[in-house]
Amino acid sequence: MTTRDTVVYSIGHSTHSIETFVALLRKAHVAAIADVRSSPYSRWQPQFNRDTLRKSLADDDIAYVFLGTELGGRGIDGSVRDEHGRVNTGESPNRPPSARV
């Protein structure tokens, strides 16, 4: 696969079992997951907690990288928020320049 053939999907985990989630990823030929949740944990769906998800994906040869600090919606300090408390996605100092809007 060339860079030109690369496809990026935006997905959510819903309430799927990890087996169903991985099967859906496989069906779409997903090779890697970038987790952009600021808090990568779920009280109601623990199979999607960061460490559990990473291990489950690794067991199925799907790469996992956590990018919640860099790309998550909460930011890491007040400097990334505007006067209304919303994350200023275009100017976040923690975002790599290529990811800024």
N, C-alpha and C. Protein backbone atom coordinates (compact mmCIF):
# COMPACT_ATOMS: atom_id res chain seq x y z
N MET A 1 0.86 -1.18 0.00
CA MET A 1 0.00 0.00 0.00
C MET A 1 0.89 1.23 0.00
N THR A 2 0.59 2.15 -0.86
CA THR A 2 1.34 3.40 -0.91
C THR A 2 0.63 4.45 -0.07
N THR A 3 1.31 5.56 0.16
CA THR A 3 0.69 6.66 0.89
C THR A 3 -0.58 7.11 0.19
N ARG A 4 -0.55 7.04 -1.11
CA ARG A 4 -1.72 7.45 -1.89
C ARG A 4 -2.92 6.53 -1.64
N ASP A 5 -2.65 5.29 -1.26
CA ASP A 5 -3.71 4.32 -1.00
C ASP A 5 -4.20 4.34 0.45
N THR A 6 -3.58 5.13 1.30
CA THR A 6 -3.93 5.15 2.71
C THR A 6 -5.30 5.78 2.91
N VAL A 7 -6.10 5.13 3.73
CA VAL A 7 -7.43 5.62 4.06
C VAL A 7 -7.48 5.84 5.56
N VAL A 8 -8.05 6.95 6.00
CA VAL A 8 -8.20 7.24 7.42
C VAL A 8 -9.69 7.26 7.74
N TYR A 9 -10.07 6.49 8.76
CA TYR A 9 -11.45 6.44 9.21
C TYR A 9 -11.57 7.09 10.57
N SER A 10 -12.71 7.64 10.86
CA SER A 10 -13.05 8.12 12.19
C SER A 10 -14.11 7.17 12.73
N ILE A 11 -13.81 6.53 13.86
CA ILE A 11 -14.73 5.52 14.37
C ILE A 11 -15.00 5.73 15.85
N GLY A 12 -16.06 5.13 16.31
CA GLY A 12 -16.37 5.05 17.73
C GLY A 12 -16.57 3.59 18.07
N HIS A 13 -16.50 3.25 19.35
CA HIS A 13 -16.59 1.84 19.69
C HIS A 13 -18.01 1.37 19.97
N SER A 14 -18.96 2.28 20.17
CA SER A 14 -20.34 1.91 20.46
C SER A 14 -20.38 1.00 21.68
N THR A 15 -21.24 0.01 21.65
CA THR A 15 -21.33 -0.96 22.76
C THR A 15 -20.92 -2.35 22.29
N HIS A 16 -20.13 -2.40 21.23
CA HIS A 16 -19.70 -3.68 20.68
C HIS A 16 -18.83 -4.45 21.67
N SER A 17 -18.88 -5.76 21.54
CA SER A 17 -17.88 -6.58 22.23
C SER A 17 -16.55 -6.33 21.53
N ILE A 18 -15.46 -6.67 22.19
CA ILE A 18 -14.15 -6.47 21.55
C ILE A 18 -14.03 -7.36 20.32
N GLU A 19 -14.63 -8.53 20.36
CA GLU A 19 -14.57 -9.44 19.20
C GLU A 19 -15.28 -8.84 17.99
N THR A 20 -16.44 -8.25 18.22
CA THR A 20 -17.18 -7.62 17.12
C THR A 20 -16.44 -6.40 16.60
N PHE A 21 -15.89 -5.60 17.53
CA PHE A 21 -15.13 -4.40 17.15
C PHE A 21 -13.94 -4.78 16.27
N VAL A 22 -13.17 -5.78 16.69
CA VAL A 22 -12.00 -6.21 15.92
C VAL A 22 -12.44 -6.78 14.57
N ALA A 23 -13.53 -7.51 14.54
CA ALA A 23 -14.03 -8.05 13.27
C ALA A 23 -14.39 -6.93 12.30
N LEU A 24 -15.00 -5.87 12.81
CA LEU A 24 -15.34 -4.72 11.97
C LEU A 24 -14.08 -4.04 11.45
N LEU A 25 -13.06 -3.92 12.30
CA LEU A 25 -11.79 -3.33 11.87
C LEU A 25 -11.16 -4.18 10.77
N ARG A 26 -11.15 -5.47 10.99
CA ARG A 26 -10.58 -6.40 10.00
C ARG A 26 -11.33 -6.31 8.67
N LYS A 27 -12.64 -6.25 8.73
CA LYS A 27 -13.45 -6.17 7.51
C LYS A 27 -13.10 -4.93 6.70
N ALA A 28 -12.76 -3.84 7.39
CA ALA A 28 -12.39 -2.59 6.71
C ALA A 28 -10.88 -2.51 6.44
N HIS A 29 -10.14 -3.58 6.75
CA HIS A 29 -8.69 -3.64 6.53
C HIS A 29 -7.93 -2.58 7.33
N VAL A 30 -8.41 -2.31 8.55
CA VAL A 30 -7.74 -1.35 9.42
C VAL A 30 -6.51 -2.02 10.02
N ALA A 31 -5.36 -1.36 9.90
CA ALA A 31 -4.10 -1.91 10.40
C ALA A 31 -3.64 -1.23 11.68
N ALA A 32 -4.19 -0.04 11.98
CA ALA A 32 -3.72 0.72 13.15
C ALA A 32 -4.84 1.61 13.66
N ILE A 33 -4.82 1.82 14.97
CA ILE A 33 -5.79 2.70 15.65
C ILE A 33 -5.02 3.82 16.33
N ALA A 34 -5.45 5.05 16.13
CA ALA A 34 -4.94 6.21 16.87
C ALA A 34 -6.06 6.63 17.82
N ASP A 35 -5.85 6.41 19.10
CA ASP A 35 -6.86 6.72 20.11
C ASP A 35 -6.70 8.17 20.52
N VAL A 36 -7.68 9.01 20.20
CA VAL A 36 -7.59 10.44 20.47
C VAL A 36 -8.47 10.87 21.64
N ARG A 37 -8.97 9.91 22.40
CA ARG A 37 -9.79 10.25 23.57
C ARG A 37 -8.90 10.85 24.65
N SER A 38 -9.31 11.98 25.22
CA SER A 38 -8.54 12.59 26.30
C SER A 38 -8.46 11.67 27.51
N SER A 39 -9.54 10.99 27.80
CA SER A 39 -9.60 10.01 28.89
C SER A 39 -9.99 8.67 28.28
N PRO A 40 -9.01 7.85 27.96
CA PRO A 40 -9.29 6.62 27.23
C PRO A 40 -9.81 5.48 28.11
N TYR A 41 -10.92 5.74 28.78
CA TYR A 41 -11.49 4.77 29.68
C TYR A 41 -13.00 4.81 29.54
N SER A 42 -13.64 3.66 29.81
CA SER A 42 -15.09 3.56 29.75
C SER A 42 -15.59 2.79 30.95
N ARG A 43 -16.40 3.42 31.74
CA ARG A 43 -16.98 2.74 32.90
C ARG A 43 -17.90 1.61 32.46
N TRP A 44 -18.63 1.83 31.38
CA TRP A 44 -19.65 0.88 30.94
C TRP A 44 -19.14 -0.12 29.91
N GLN A 45 -18.06 0.18 29.24
CA GLN A 45 -17.50 -0.71 28.22
C GLN A 45 -16.01 -0.89 28.49
N PRO A 46 -15.66 -1.63 29.55
CA PRO A 46 -14.26 -1.72 29.96
C PRO A 46 -13.33 -2.35 28.93
N GLN A 47 -13.87 -3.06 27.96
CA GLN A 47 -13.03 -3.62 26.91
C GLN A 47 -12.38 -2.53 26.06
N PHE A 48 -12.87 -1.29 26.22
CA PHE A 48 -12.30 -0.17 25.47
C PHE A 48 -11.43 0.73 26.34
N ASN A 49 -11.11 0.31 27.54
CA ASN A 49 -10.13 1.03 28.35
C ASN A 49 -8.77 0.91 27.67
N ARG A 50 -7.97 1.93 27.80
CA ARG A 50 -6.72 2.05 27.05
C ARG A 50 -5.87 0.78 27.05
N ASP A 51 -5.49 0.28 28.22
CA ASP A 51 -4.59 -0.88 28.27
C ASP A 51 -5.25 -2.16 27.77
N THR A 52 -6.52 -2.33 28.09
CA THR A 52 -7.26 -3.51 27.63
C THR A 52 -7.39 -3.49 26.11
N LEU A 53 -7.74 -2.33 25.57
CA LEU A 53 -7.88 -2.19 24.13
C LEU A 53 -6.55 -2.42 23.42
N ARG A 54 -5.49 -1.84 23.95
CA ARG A 54 -4.16 -2.00 23.34
C ARG A 54 -3.79 -3.49 23.26
N LYS A 55 -4.01 -4.22 24.34
CA LYS A 55 -3.68 -5.64 24.36
C LYS A 55 -4.55 -6.43 23.38
N SER A 56 -5.85 -6.16 23.39
CA SER A 56 -6.75 -6.87 22.48
C SER A 56 -6.39 -6.63 21.02
N LEU A 57 -6.06 -5.41 20.70
CA LEU A 57 -5.67 -5.09 19.32
C LEU A 57 -4.35 -5.76 18.96
N ALA A 58 -3.39 -5.74 19.89
CA ALA A 58 -2.10 -6.38 19.65
C ALA A 58 -2.28 -7.88 19.40
N ASP A 59 -3.18 -8.51 20.14
CA ASP A 59 -3.46 -9.93 19.95
C ASP A 59 -3.95 -10.22 18.55
N ASP A 60 -4.53 -9.23 17.90
CA ASP A 60 -5.03 -9.37 16.53
C ASP A 60 -4.17 -8.63 15.51
N ASP A 61 -2.94 -8.30 15.91
CA ASP A 61 -1.97 -7.64 15.02
C ASP A 61 -2.47 -6.31 14.46
N ILE A 62 -3.19 -5.55 15.29
CA ILE A 62 -3.60 -4.20 14.92
C ILE A 62 -2.83 -3.24 15.83
N ALA A 63 -2.12 -2.30 15.24
CA ALA A 63 -1.31 -1.35 16.01
C ALA A 63 -2.21 -0.38 16.76
N TYR A 64 -1.73 0.07 17.92
CA TYR A 64 -2.46 1.03 18.75
C TYR A 64 -1.50 2.12 19.19
N VAL A 65 -1.92 3.36 19.05
CA VAL A 65 -1.13 4.48 19.57
C VAL A 65 -2.09 5.44 20.26
N PHE A 66 -1.71 5.89 21.44
CA PHE A 66 -2.52 6.85 22.18
C PHE A 66 -2.07 8.26 21.82
N LEU A 67 -3.00 9.08 21.33
CA LEU A 67 -2.72 10.47 20.97
C LEU A 67 -3.67 11.44 21.67
N GLY A 68 -4.28 10.99 22.76
CA GLY A 68 -5.24 11.83 23.47
C GLY A 68 -4.65 13.09 24.05
N THR A 69 -3.38 13.03 24.45
CA THR A 69 -2.73 14.23 24.99
C THR A 69 -2.56 15.27 23.89
N GLU A 70 -2.14 14.81 22.72
CA GLU A 70 -1.89 15.73 21.61
C GLU A 70 -3.15 16.17 20.88
N LEU A 71 -4.11 15.27 20.75
CA LEU A 71 -5.27 15.56 19.90
C LEU A 71 -6.61 15.51 20.61
N GLY A 72 -6.65 15.08 21.85
CA GLY A 72 -7.91 14.94 22.58
C GLY A 72 -8.59 16.28 22.80
N GLY A 73 -9.88 16.22 23.04
CA GLY A 73 -10.69 17.43 23.16
C GLY A 73 -10.53 18.21 24.45
N ARG A 74 -9.85 17.67 25.44
CA ARG A 74 -9.74 18.37 26.72
C ARG A 74 -8.46 19.17 26.88
N GLY A 75 -7.44 18.89 26.11
CA GLY A 75 -6.19 19.60 26.29
C GLY A 75 -5.54 19.24 27.61
N ILE A 76 -4.37 19.77 27.88
CA ILE A 76 -3.69 19.42 29.12
C ILE A 76 -3.58 20.58 30.09
N ASP A 77 -3.93 21.76 29.64
CA ASP A 77 -3.93 22.90 30.55
C ASP A 77 -4.83 23.99 29.97
N GLY A 78 -5.03 25.04 30.72
CA GLY A 78 -5.91 26.11 30.28
C GLY A 78 -5.43 26.89 29.08
N SER A 79 -4.16 26.76 28.71
CA SER A 79 -3.62 27.55 27.61
C SER A 79 -4.20 27.16 26.26
N VAL A 80 -4.84 25.99 26.15
CA VAL A 80 -5.40 25.58 24.87
C VAL A 80 -6.88 25.91 24.75
N ARG A 81 -7.43 26.63 25.73
CA ARG A 81 -8.86 26.94 25.74
C ARG A 81 -9.11 28.41 25.42
N ASP A 82 -10.23 28.65 24.76
CA ASP A 82 -10.61 30.03 24.49
C ASP A 82 -11.34 30.61 25.70
N GLU A 83 -11.86 31.81 25.56
CA GLU A 83 -12.50 32.49 26.69
C GLU A 83 -13.79 31.81 27.15
N HIS A 84 -14.31 30.88 26.35
CA HIS A 84 -15.53 30.15 26.71
C HIS A 84 -15.23 28.75 27.23
N GLY A 85 -13.95 28.41 27.36
CA GLY A 85 -13.56 27.11 27.87
C GLY A 85 -13.47 26.02 26.83
N ARG A 86 -13.69 26.36 25.56
CA ARG A 86 -13.60 25.38 24.49
C ARG A 86 -12.15 25.25 24.03
N VAL A 87 -11.79 24.03 23.61
CA VAL A 87 -10.43 23.81 23.11
C VAL A 87 -10.27 24.55 21.80
N ASN A 88 -9.21 25.33 21.70
CA ASN A 88 -8.88 26.05 20.48
C ASN A 88 -8.03 25.11 19.63
N THR A 89 -8.67 24.35 18.75
CA THR A 89 -7.99 23.31 17.99
C THR A 89 -6.95 23.83 17.01
N GLY A 90 -7.07 25.04 16.60
CA GLY A 90 -6.12 25.57 15.63
C GLY A 90 -4.81 26.01 16.24
N GLU A 91 -4.78 26.29 17.51
CA GLU A 91 -3.58 26.85 18.11
C GLU A 91 -3.01 26.03 19.27
N SER A 92 -3.47 24.82 19.48
CA SER A 92 -3.00 24.02 20.59
C SER A 92 -1.49 23.83 20.51
N PRO A 93 -0.75 24.26 21.54
CA PRO A 93 0.70 24.13 21.50
C PRO A 93 1.15 22.68 21.57
N ASN A 94 0.28 21.77 21.95
CA ASN A 94 0.64 20.36 22.07
C ASN A 94 0.37 19.57 20.80
N ARG A 95 -0.26 20.20 19.84
CA ARG A 95 -0.56 19.55 18.58
C ARG A 95 0.62 19.71 17.62
N PRO A 96 0.97 18.65 16.93
CA PRO A 96 2.02 18.83 15.92
C PRO A 96 1.52 19.78 14.84
N PRO A 97 2.41 20.59 14.27
CA PRO A 97 1.98 21.57 13.25
C PRO A 97 1.15 20.96 12.13
N SER A 98 1.45 19.72 11.73
CA SER A 98 0.72 19.10 10.63
C SER A 98 -0.74 18.81 11.01
N ALA A 99 -1.06 18.77 12.32
CA ALA A 99 -2.42 18.45 12.77
C ALA A 99 -3.24 19.68 13.08
N ARG A 100 -2.62 20.85 13.02
CA ARG A 100 -3.37 22.07 13.35
C ARG A 100 -4.29 22.46 12.22
N VAL A 101 -5.48 22.94 12.59
CA VAL A 101 -6.48 23.33 11.59
C VAL A 101 -6.15 24.70 11.05
